Amino acid sequence: MTVKEVKFFISAIIDIHNREVIGFAISTHPNADLVDGTVRQAMKARGLTDLKQAVLHSDQGSVYSSMRHHRLAEELSFIPSMSRKANCWDNAVIESFFSHLKTEFPHLFPVDSAGQVIEDLPKFIAYFNEERGQKRLGYLTPAAYLKVEKIAS
């Protein structure tokens, strides 16, 4: 996402079960700190001390193929998984999220400055998780879907 000539890189983790964004970070550099922060935020959101063999799927970006990312996977017990080269369908859930972010964010949060993007991204994530219904969830929000499921079980 580029705003006022500042290019932003956004890292996000989505729980594929209810399509909730459980971790995200934004930076002007696509580096290991960005991804590391996203993973740790997702763990905190779920109250986890490790990821207990969770699969974290990504594209083939250099950050995800780095030794640092593989050490993080070992430290936190997750399985790194990468999409096939030039195959966005392998990563369709996150690709869909980023498509919504790029099209909806500017309409919901008109941006006047680069700093405003950093300030408003958490608001967009809250909107995505708590207000925006999703077809695959029967038009429930990710948060509502999780609540309904807990009540049913």
N, C-alpha and C. Protein backbone atom coordinates (compact mmCIF):
# COMPACT_ATOMS: atom_id res chain seq x y z
N MET A 1 0.86 -1.16 0.00
CA MET A 1 0.00 0.00 0.00
C MET A 1 0.91 1.23 0.00
N THR A 2 0.71 2.12 -0.93
CA THR A 2 1.52 3.34 -1.02
C THR A 2 0.64 4.55 -0.76
N VAL A 3 1.08 5.40 0.16
CA VAL A 3 0.34 6.61 0.52
C VAL A 3 1.33 7.77 0.61
N LYS A 4 1.02 8.84 -0.10
CA LYS A 4 1.88 10.03 -0.07
C LYS A 4 3.35 9.66 -0.29
N GLU A 5 3.57 8.82 -1.28
CA GLU A 5 4.90 8.37 -1.69
C GLU A 5 5.62 7.52 -0.64
N VAL A 6 4.90 7.05 0.37
CA VAL A 6 5.47 6.14 1.37
C VAL A 6 4.88 4.77 1.10
N LYS A 7 5.75 3.79 0.88
CA LYS A 7 5.28 2.43 0.63
C LYS A 7 5.24 1.68 1.95
N PHE A 8 4.07 1.10 2.25
CA PHE A 8 3.89 0.33 3.47
C PHE A 8 3.82 -1.15 3.14
N PHE A 9 4.38 -1.94 4.04
CA PHE A 9 4.28 -3.40 3.95
C PHE A 9 3.47 -3.84 5.16
N ILE A 10 2.46 -4.64 4.90
CA ILE A 10 1.58 -5.11 5.96
C ILE A 10 1.68 -6.62 6.02
N SER A 11 1.93 -7.11 7.21
CA SER A 11 1.97 -8.54 7.46
C SER A 11 0.73 -8.88 8.28
N ALA A 12 0.07 -9.96 7.93
CA ALA A 12 -1.14 -10.35 8.68
C ALA A 12 -1.22 -11.86 8.78
N ILE A 13 -1.81 -12.32 9.86
CA ILE A 13 -2.10 -13.74 10.05
C ILE A 13 -3.59 -13.87 10.25
N ILE A 14 -4.18 -14.76 9.47
CA ILE A 14 -5.61 -15.02 9.55
C ILE A 14 -5.84 -16.44 10.04
N ASP A 15 -6.73 -16.58 11.01
CA ASP A 15 -7.15 -17.91 11.45
C ASP A 15 -8.09 -18.43 10.38
N ILE A 16 -7.68 -19.46 9.69
CA ILE A 16 -8.46 -19.94 8.54
C ILE A 16 -9.82 -20.50 8.98
N HIS A 17 -9.94 -20.87 10.24
CA HIS A 17 -11.20 -21.43 10.73
C HIS A 17 -12.34 -20.41 10.68
N ASN A 18 -12.09 -19.21 11.21
CA ASN A 18 -13.16 -18.21 11.21
C ASN A 18 -12.77 -16.94 10.44
N ARG A 19 -11.63 -17.00 9.75
CA ARG A 19 -11.15 -15.91 8.89
C ARG A 19 -10.94 -14.60 9.63
N GLU A 20 -10.57 -14.73 10.87
CA GLU A 20 -10.29 -13.55 11.70
C GLU A 20 -8.81 -13.18 11.60
N VAL A 21 -8.54 -11.90 11.45
CA VAL A 21 -7.16 -11.43 11.49
C VAL A 21 -6.74 -11.44 12.96
N ILE A 22 -5.79 -12.30 13.30
CA ILE A 22 -5.38 -12.43 14.70
C ILE A 22 -4.03 -11.79 14.98
N GLY A 23 -3.34 -11.37 13.94
CA GLY A 23 -2.08 -10.68 14.12
C GLY A 23 -1.78 -9.84 12.89
N PHE A 24 -1.22 -8.67 13.11
CA PHE A 24 -0.85 -7.83 11.97
C PHE A 24 0.22 -6.85 12.41
N ALA A 25 0.97 -6.39 11.44
CA ALA A 25 1.99 -5.37 11.68
C ALA A 25 2.18 -4.58 10.39
N ILE A 26 2.66 -3.36 10.52
CA ILE A 26 2.89 -2.50 9.37
C ILE A 26 4.27 -1.88 9.50
N SER A 27 4.94 -1.76 8.37
CA SER A 27 6.29 -1.21 8.35
C SER A 27 6.58 -0.61 6.98
N THR A 28 7.62 0.18 6.92
CA THR A 28 8.06 0.69 5.63
C THR A 28 9.13 -0.23 5.02
N HIS A 29 9.42 -1.33 5.71
CA HIS A 29 10.40 -2.30 5.21
C HIS A 29 9.86 -3.72 5.39
N PRO A 30 9.95 -4.56 4.36
CA PRO A 30 9.51 -5.95 4.50
C PRO A 30 10.64 -6.78 5.11
N ASN A 31 10.71 -6.80 6.43
CA ASN A 31 11.82 -7.50 7.05
C ASN A 31 11.34 -8.51 8.09
N ALA A 32 12.28 -9.22 8.67
CA ALA A 32 11.96 -10.27 9.62
C ALA A 32 11.27 -9.72 10.86
N ASP A 33 11.60 -8.51 11.28
CA ASP A 33 10.95 -7.92 12.45
C ASP A 33 9.45 -7.76 12.23
N LEU A 34 9.07 -7.41 11.02
CA LEU A 34 7.66 -7.25 10.67
C LEU A 34 6.91 -8.57 10.86
N VAL A 35 7.47 -9.64 10.32
CA VAL A 35 6.83 -10.95 10.41
C VAL A 35 6.88 -11.49 11.84
N ASP A 36 8.01 -11.34 12.50
CA ASP A 36 8.16 -11.80 13.87
C ASP A 36 7.11 -11.14 14.76
N GLY A 37 6.94 -9.83 14.61
CA GLY A 37 5.94 -9.11 15.40
C GLY A 37 4.53 -9.58 15.14
N THR A 38 4.26 -9.92 13.88
CA THR A 38 2.93 -10.41 13.52
C THR A 38 2.64 -11.75 14.18
N VAL A 39 3.62 -12.64 14.13
CA VAL A 39 3.46 -13.98 14.73
C VAL A 39 3.25 -13.85 16.24
N ARG A 40 4.05 -13.04 16.87
CA ARG A 40 3.94 -12.90 18.33
C ARG A 40 2.61 -12.23 18.73
N GLN A 41 2.14 -11.29 17.93
CA GLN A 41 0.85 -10.66 18.21
C GLN A 41 -0.28 -11.69 18.08
N ALA A 42 -0.20 -12.55 17.08
CA ALA A 42 -1.22 -13.59 16.89
C ALA A 42 -1.24 -14.54 18.08
N MET A 43 -0.07 -14.90 18.56
CA MET A 43 0.01 -15.78 19.73
C MET A 43 -0.63 -15.11 20.94
N LYS A 44 -0.32 -13.85 21.13
CA LYS A 44 -0.88 -13.11 22.27
C LYS A 44 -2.40 -13.03 22.16
N ALA A 45 -2.90 -12.79 20.94
CA ALA A 45 -4.35 -12.70 20.73
C ALA A 45 -5.07 -13.99 21.10
N ARG A 46 -4.39 -15.10 20.90
CA ARG A 46 -4.98 -16.41 21.21
C ARG A 46 -4.54 -16.95 22.57
N GLY A 47 -3.73 -16.18 23.30
CA GLY A 47 -3.27 -16.59 24.62
C GLY A 47 -2.36 -17.81 24.58
N LEU A 48 -1.49 -17.87 23.59
CA LEU A 48 -0.62 -19.03 23.40
C LEU A 48 0.82 -18.73 23.77
N THR A 49 1.52 -19.76 24.25
CA THR A 49 2.96 -19.63 24.49
C THR A 49 3.75 -20.26 23.36
N ASP A 50 3.11 -21.11 22.60
CA ASP A 50 3.71 -21.63 21.36
C ASP A 50 2.58 -21.92 20.39
N LEU A 51 2.92 -22.27 19.18
CA LEU A 51 1.89 -22.46 18.16
C LEU A 51 1.55 -23.93 17.91
N LYS A 52 2.10 -24.82 18.71
CA LYS A 52 1.71 -26.24 18.76
C LYS A 52 1.41 -26.85 17.39
N GLN A 53 2.35 -26.80 16.51
CA GLN A 53 2.25 -27.41 15.19
C GLN A 53 1.24 -26.74 14.27
N ALA A 54 0.88 -25.50 14.56
CA ALA A 54 0.04 -24.75 13.62
C ALA A 54 0.81 -24.54 12.32
N VAL A 55 0.10 -24.51 11.23
CA VAL A 55 0.73 -24.26 9.93
C VAL A 55 0.58 -22.78 9.61
N LEU A 56 1.70 -22.11 9.39
CA LEU A 56 1.67 -20.71 8.98
C LEU A 56 2.07 -20.67 7.51
N HIS A 57 1.08 -20.42 6.68
CA HIS A 57 1.28 -20.44 5.23
C HIS A 57 1.61 -19.03 4.74
N SER A 58 2.52 -18.95 3.79
CA SER A 58 2.93 -17.64 3.27
C SER A 58 3.25 -17.74 1.79
N ASP A 59 3.54 -16.58 1.22
CA ASP A 59 4.05 -16.58 -0.15
C ASP A 59 5.55 -16.90 -0.09
N GLN A 60 6.23 -16.76 -1.21
CA GLN A 60 7.65 -17.12 -1.25
C GLN A 60 8.57 -15.93 -1.01
N GLY A 61 8.09 -14.94 -0.30
CA GLY A 61 8.92 -13.78 -0.01
C GLY A 61 10.18 -14.16 0.75
N SER A 62 11.21 -13.37 0.56
CA SER A 62 12.51 -13.68 1.17
C SER A 62 12.45 -13.74 2.69
N VAL A 63 11.57 -12.96 3.29
CA VAL A 63 11.44 -12.99 4.75
C VAL A 63 11.01 -14.37 5.22
N TYR A 64 10.11 -15.01 4.48
CA TYR A 64 9.57 -16.30 4.89
C TYR A 64 10.52 -17.47 4.60
N SER A 65 11.45 -17.27 3.70
CA SER A 65 12.42 -18.33 3.40
C SER A 65 13.73 -18.12 4.14
N SER A 66 13.80 -17.08 4.95
CA SER A 66 15.03 -16.76 5.68
C SER A 66 15.29 -17.74 6.82
N MET A 67 16.56 -17.82 7.21
CA MET A 67 16.93 -18.66 8.35
C MET A 67 16.27 -18.14 9.63
N ARG A 68 16.14 -16.84 9.75
CA ARG A 68 15.51 -16.27 10.94
C ARG A 68 14.07 -16.76 11.09
N HIS A 69 13.33 -16.80 9.98
CA HIS A 69 11.95 -17.26 10.03
C HIS A 69 11.90 -18.75 10.42
N HIS A 70 12.81 -19.52 9.89
CA HIS A 70 12.84 -20.95 10.23
C HIS A 70 13.24 -21.17 11.69
N ARG A 71 14.13 -20.33 12.21
CA ARG A 71 14.47 -20.41 13.64
C ARG A 71 13.26 -20.03 14.49
N LEU A 72 12.50 -19.02 14.06
CA LEU A 72 11.29 -18.63 14.77
C LEU A 72 10.29 -19.78 14.77
N ALA A 73 10.16 -20.45 13.64
CA ALA A 73 9.25 -21.60 13.54
C ALA A 73 9.66 -22.69 14.52
N GLU A 74 10.94 -22.93 14.61
CA GLU A 74 11.43 -23.95 15.54
C GLU A 74 11.18 -23.52 16.99
N GLU A 75 11.48 -22.27 17.29
CA GLU A 75 11.30 -21.74 18.65
C GLU A 75 9.84 -21.81 19.09
N LEU A 76 8.92 -21.49 18.19
CA LEU A 76 7.50 -21.38 18.56
C LEU A 76 6.66 -22.58 18.13
N SER A 77 7.31 -23.60 17.59
CA SER A 77 6.66 -24.87 17.22
C SER A 77 5.60 -24.74 16.14
N PHE A 78 5.81 -23.88 15.15
CA PHE A 78 4.88 -23.85 14.03
C PHE A 78 5.55 -24.42 12.79
N ILE A 79 4.72 -24.82 11.86
CA ILE A 79 5.20 -25.40 10.62
C ILE A 79 5.11 -24.33 9.53
N PRO A 80 6.25 -23.90 8.99
CA PRO A 80 6.19 -22.93 7.90
C PRO A 80 5.79 -23.62 6.59
N SER A 81 4.92 -23.00 5.86
CA SER A 81 4.44 -23.54 4.59
C SER A 81 4.45 -22.41 3.58
N MET A 82 4.92 -22.71 2.38
CA MET A 82 4.99 -21.67 1.35
C MET A 82 4.19 -22.08 0.13
N SER A 83 3.57 -21.09 -0.49
CA SER A 83 2.81 -21.34 -1.71
C SER A 83 3.76 -21.70 -2.85
N ARG A 84 3.18 -22.28 -3.87
CA ARG A 84 3.96 -22.57 -5.07
C ARG A 84 4.27 -21.26 -5.77
N LYS A 85 5.33 -21.25 -6.51
CA LYS A 85 5.75 -20.04 -7.22
C LYS A 85 4.64 -19.56 -8.15
N ALA A 86 4.35 -18.26 -8.07
CA ALA A 86 3.36 -17.60 -8.93
C ALA A 86 1.98 -18.24 -8.86
N ASN A 87 1.59 -18.70 -7.67
CA ASN A 87 0.28 -19.34 -7.52
C ASN A 87 -0.45 -18.68 -6.35
N CYS A 88 -1.20 -17.63 -6.63
CA CYS A 88 -1.92 -16.91 -5.58
C CYS A 88 -3.03 -17.75 -4.95
N TRP A 89 -3.49 -18.78 -5.65
CA TRP A 89 -4.59 -19.60 -5.13
C TRP A 89 -4.17 -20.37 -3.89
N ASP A 90 -2.89 -20.68 -3.75
CA ASP A 90 -2.41 -21.37 -2.55
C ASP A 90 -2.60 -20.51 -1.31
N ASN A 91 -2.66 -19.24 -1.49
CA ASN A 91 -2.73 -18.29 -0.39
C ASN A 91 -3.99 -17.44 -0.49
N ALA A 92 -5.06 -18.03 -0.99
CA ALA A 92 -6.27 -17.29 -1.34
C ALA A 92 -6.90 -16.53 -0.17
N VAL A 93 -6.87 -17.07 1.02
CA VAL A 93 -7.52 -16.41 2.16
C VAL A 93 -6.85 -15.07 2.46
N ILE A 94 -5.54 -15.06 2.53
CA ILE A 94 -4.85 -13.80 2.83
C ILE A 94 -4.86 -12.87 1.62
N GLU A 95 -4.80 -13.43 0.42
CA GLU A 95 -4.88 -12.60 -0.79
C GLU A 95 -6.23 -11.88 -0.83
N SER A 96 -7.29 -12.57 -0.45
CA SER A 96 -8.62 -11.97 -0.40
C SER A 96 -8.67 -10.84 0.63
N PHE A 97 -8.09 -11.10 1.80
CA PHE A 97 -8.04 -10.05 2.82
C PHE A 97 -7.34 -8.80 2.30
N PHE A 98 -6.17 -8.99 1.68
CA PHE A 98 -5.42 -7.82 1.19
C PHE A 98 -6.17 -7.10 0.08
N SER A 99 -6.93 -7.83 -0.71
CA SER A 99 -7.76 -7.20 -1.74
C SER A 99 -8.81 -6.30 -1.10
N HIS A 100 -9.47 -6.81 -0.05
CA HIS A 100 -10.47 -6.01 0.68
C HIS A 100 -9.81 -4.80 1.34
N LEU A 101 -8.64 -5.00 1.91
CA LEU A 101 -7.92 -3.91 2.55
C LEU A 101 -7.63 -2.79 1.55
N LYS A 102 -7.12 -3.16 0.39
CA LYS A 102 -6.75 -2.15 -0.61
C LYS A 102 -7.96 -1.41 -1.17
N THR A 103 -9.09 -2.10 -1.31
CA THR A 103 -10.26 -1.44 -1.89
C THR A 103 -11.14 -0.73 -0.84
N GLU A 104 -11.27 -1.30 0.34
CA GLU A 104 -12.18 -0.76 1.35
C GLU A 104 -11.54 0.27 2.28
N PHE A 105 -10.28 0.07 2.61
CA PHE A 105 -9.61 0.97 3.56
C PHE A 105 -9.72 2.44 3.15
N PRO A 106 -9.41 2.79 1.89
CA PRO A 106 -9.48 4.22 1.51
C PRO A 106 -10.88 4.82 1.62
N HIS A 107 -11.91 3.99 1.46
CA HIS A 107 -13.29 4.50 1.55
C HIS A 107 -13.73 4.65 3.01
N LEU A 108 -13.30 3.73 3.85
CA LEU A 108 -13.67 3.79 5.26
C LEU A 108 -12.84 4.81 6.04
N PHE A 109 -11.58 4.91 5.66
CA PHE A 109 -10.65 5.79 6.37
C PHE A 109 -9.88 6.63 5.35
N PRO A 110 -10.50 7.72 4.87
CA PRO A 110 -9.80 8.57 3.91
C PRO A 110 -8.45 9.01 4.47
N VAL A 111 -7.42 8.80 3.70
CA VAL A 111 -6.05 9.00 4.17
C VAL A 111 -5.50 10.34 3.70
N ASP A 112 -5.05 11.13 4.67
CA ASP A 112 -4.41 12.41 4.36
C ASP A 112 -2.90 12.37 4.56
N SER A 113 -2.44 11.38 5.34
CA SER A 113 -1.00 11.31 5.61
C SER A 113 -0.58 9.86 5.82
N ALA A 114 0.71 9.63 5.69
CA ALA A 114 1.24 8.29 5.91
C ALA A 114 1.03 7.86 7.36
N GLY A 115 1.19 8.80 8.29
CA GLY A 115 0.98 8.48 9.70
C GLY A 115 -0.44 8.04 10.00
N GLN A 116 -1.38 8.55 9.23
CA GLN A 116 -2.78 8.19 9.43
C GLN A 116 -3.03 6.72 9.07
N VAL A 117 -2.29 6.19 8.11
CA VAL A 117 -2.43 4.77 7.75
C VAL A 117 -2.08 3.91 8.96
N ILE A 118 -0.98 4.24 9.61
CA ILE A 118 -0.54 3.48 10.78
C ILE A 118 -1.58 3.58 11.89
N GLU A 119 -2.17 4.74 12.06
CA GLU A 119 -3.18 4.97 13.09
C GLU A 119 -4.49 4.24 12.77
N ASP A 120 -4.88 4.21 11.50
CA ASP A 120 -6.18 3.66 11.12
C ASP A 120 -6.18 2.16 10.79
N LEU A 121 -5.02 1.57 10.56
CA LEU A 121 -4.99 0.14 10.24
C LEU A 121 -5.64 -0.71 11.34
N PRO A 122 -5.35 -0.48 12.63
CA PRO A 122 -6.03 -1.27 13.66
C PRO A 122 -7.56 -1.10 13.62
N LYS A 123 -8.02 0.07 13.25
CA LYS A 123 -9.47 0.30 13.13
C LYS A 123 -10.05 -0.52 11.98
N PHE A 124 -9.31 -0.62 10.88
CA PHE A 124 -9.78 -1.43 9.76
C PHE A 124 -9.82 -2.90 10.16
N ILE A 125 -8.80 -3.37 10.87
CA ILE A 125 -8.77 -4.77 11.31
C ILE A 125 -9.97 -5.05 12.22
N ALA A 126 -10.26 -4.13 13.14
CA ALA A 126 -11.43 -4.30 14.01
C ALA A 126 -12.71 -4.34 13.18
N TYR A 127 -12.82 -3.47 12.20
CA TYR A 127 -13.98 -3.48 11.29
C TYR A 127 -14.07 -4.83 10.57
N PHE A 128 -12.96 -5.30 10.04
CA PHE A 128 -12.94 -6.56 9.30
C PHE A 128 -13.38 -7.73 10.19
N ASN A 129 -12.90 -7.75 11.42
CA ASN A 129 -13.20 -8.86 12.33
C ASN A 129 -14.57 -8.77 12.99
N GLU A 130 -15.05 -7.56 13.25
CA GLU A 130 -16.23 -7.39 14.09
C GLU A 130 -17.46 -6.80 13.40
N GLU A 131 -17.29 -6.24 12.19
CA GLU A 131 -18.43 -5.60 11.53
C GLU A 131 -18.71 -6.12 10.12
N ARG A 132 -17.69 -6.57 9.44
CA ARG A 132 -17.82 -6.94 8.03
C ARG A 132 -18.19 -8.42 7.90
N GLY A 133 -19.43 -8.69 7.48
CA GLY A 133 -19.85 -10.06 7.26
C GLY A 133 -19.11 -10.70 6.09
N GLN A 134 -18.95 -12.01 6.15
CA GLN A 134 -18.23 -12.72 5.11
C GLN A 134 -19.09 -13.85 4.55
N LYS A 135 -19.16 -13.90 3.26
CA LYS A 135 -19.99 -14.88 2.57
C LYS A 135 -19.69 -16.31 3.04
N ARG A 136 -18.42 -16.65 3.14
CA ARG A 136 -18.03 -18.01 3.52
C ARG A 136 -18.42 -18.36 4.95
N LEU A 137 -18.76 -17.36 5.73
CA LEU A 137 -19.19 -17.58 7.11
C LEU A 137 -20.69 -17.38 7.26
N GLY A 138 -21.41 -17.51 6.17
CA GLY A 138 -22.86 -17.29 6.21
C GLY A 138 -23.20 -15.83 6.50
N TYR A 139 -22.36 -14.93 6.04
CA TYR A 139 -22.49 -13.48 6.22
C TYR A 139 -22.37 -13.04 7.68
N LEU A 140 -21.81 -13.90 8.51
CA LEU A 140 -21.46 -13.49 9.87
C LEU A 140 -20.08 -12.85 9.83
N THR A 141 -19.78 -12.07 10.84
CA THR A 141 -18.42 -11.56 10.97
C THR A 141 -17.55 -12.68 11.55
N PRO A 142 -16.23 -12.59 11.42
CA PRO A 142 -15.38 -13.60 12.05
C PRO A 142 -15.63 -13.73 13.55
N ALA A 143 -15.80 -12.61 14.23
CA ALA A 143 -16.04 -12.64 15.68
C ALA A 143 -17.38 -13.31 16.00
N ALA A 144 -18.43 -12.97 15.26
CA ALA A 144 -19.75 -13.56 15.49
C ALA A 144 -19.74 -15.05 15.19
N TYR A 145 -19.05 -15.44 14.14
CA TYR A 145 -18.96 -16.86 13.77
C TYR A 145 -18.35 -17.67 14.92
N LEU A 146 -17.30 -17.14 15.51
CA LEU A 146 -16.65 -17.83 16.61
C LEU A 146 -17.58 -17.94 17.81
N LYS A 147 -18.34 -16.87 18.11
CA LYS A 147 -19.28 -16.90 19.23
C LYS A 147 -20.39 -17.92 18.99
N VAL A 148 -20.95 -17.93 17.79
CA VAL A 148 -22.02 -18.88 17.46
C VAL A 148 -21.51 -20.31 17.59
N GLU A 149 -20.31 -20.53 17.12
CA GLU A 149 -19.73 -21.87 17.19
C GLU A 149 -19.52 -22.30 18.64
N LYS A 150 -19.07 -21.39 19.49
CA LYS A 150 -18.85 -21.73 20.90
C LYS A 150 -20.17 -22.05 21.59
N ILE A 151 -21.22 -21.31 21.25
CA ILE A 151 -22.54 -21.56 21.83
C ILE A 151 -23.06 -22.93 21.39
N ALA A 152 -22.82 -23.27 20.14
CA ALA A 152 -23.31 -24.54 19.59
C ALA A 152 -22.57 -25.75 20.14
N SER A 153 -21.35 -25.55 20.61
CA SER A 153 -20.59 -26.72 21.09
C SER A 153 -20.74 -26.99 22.55
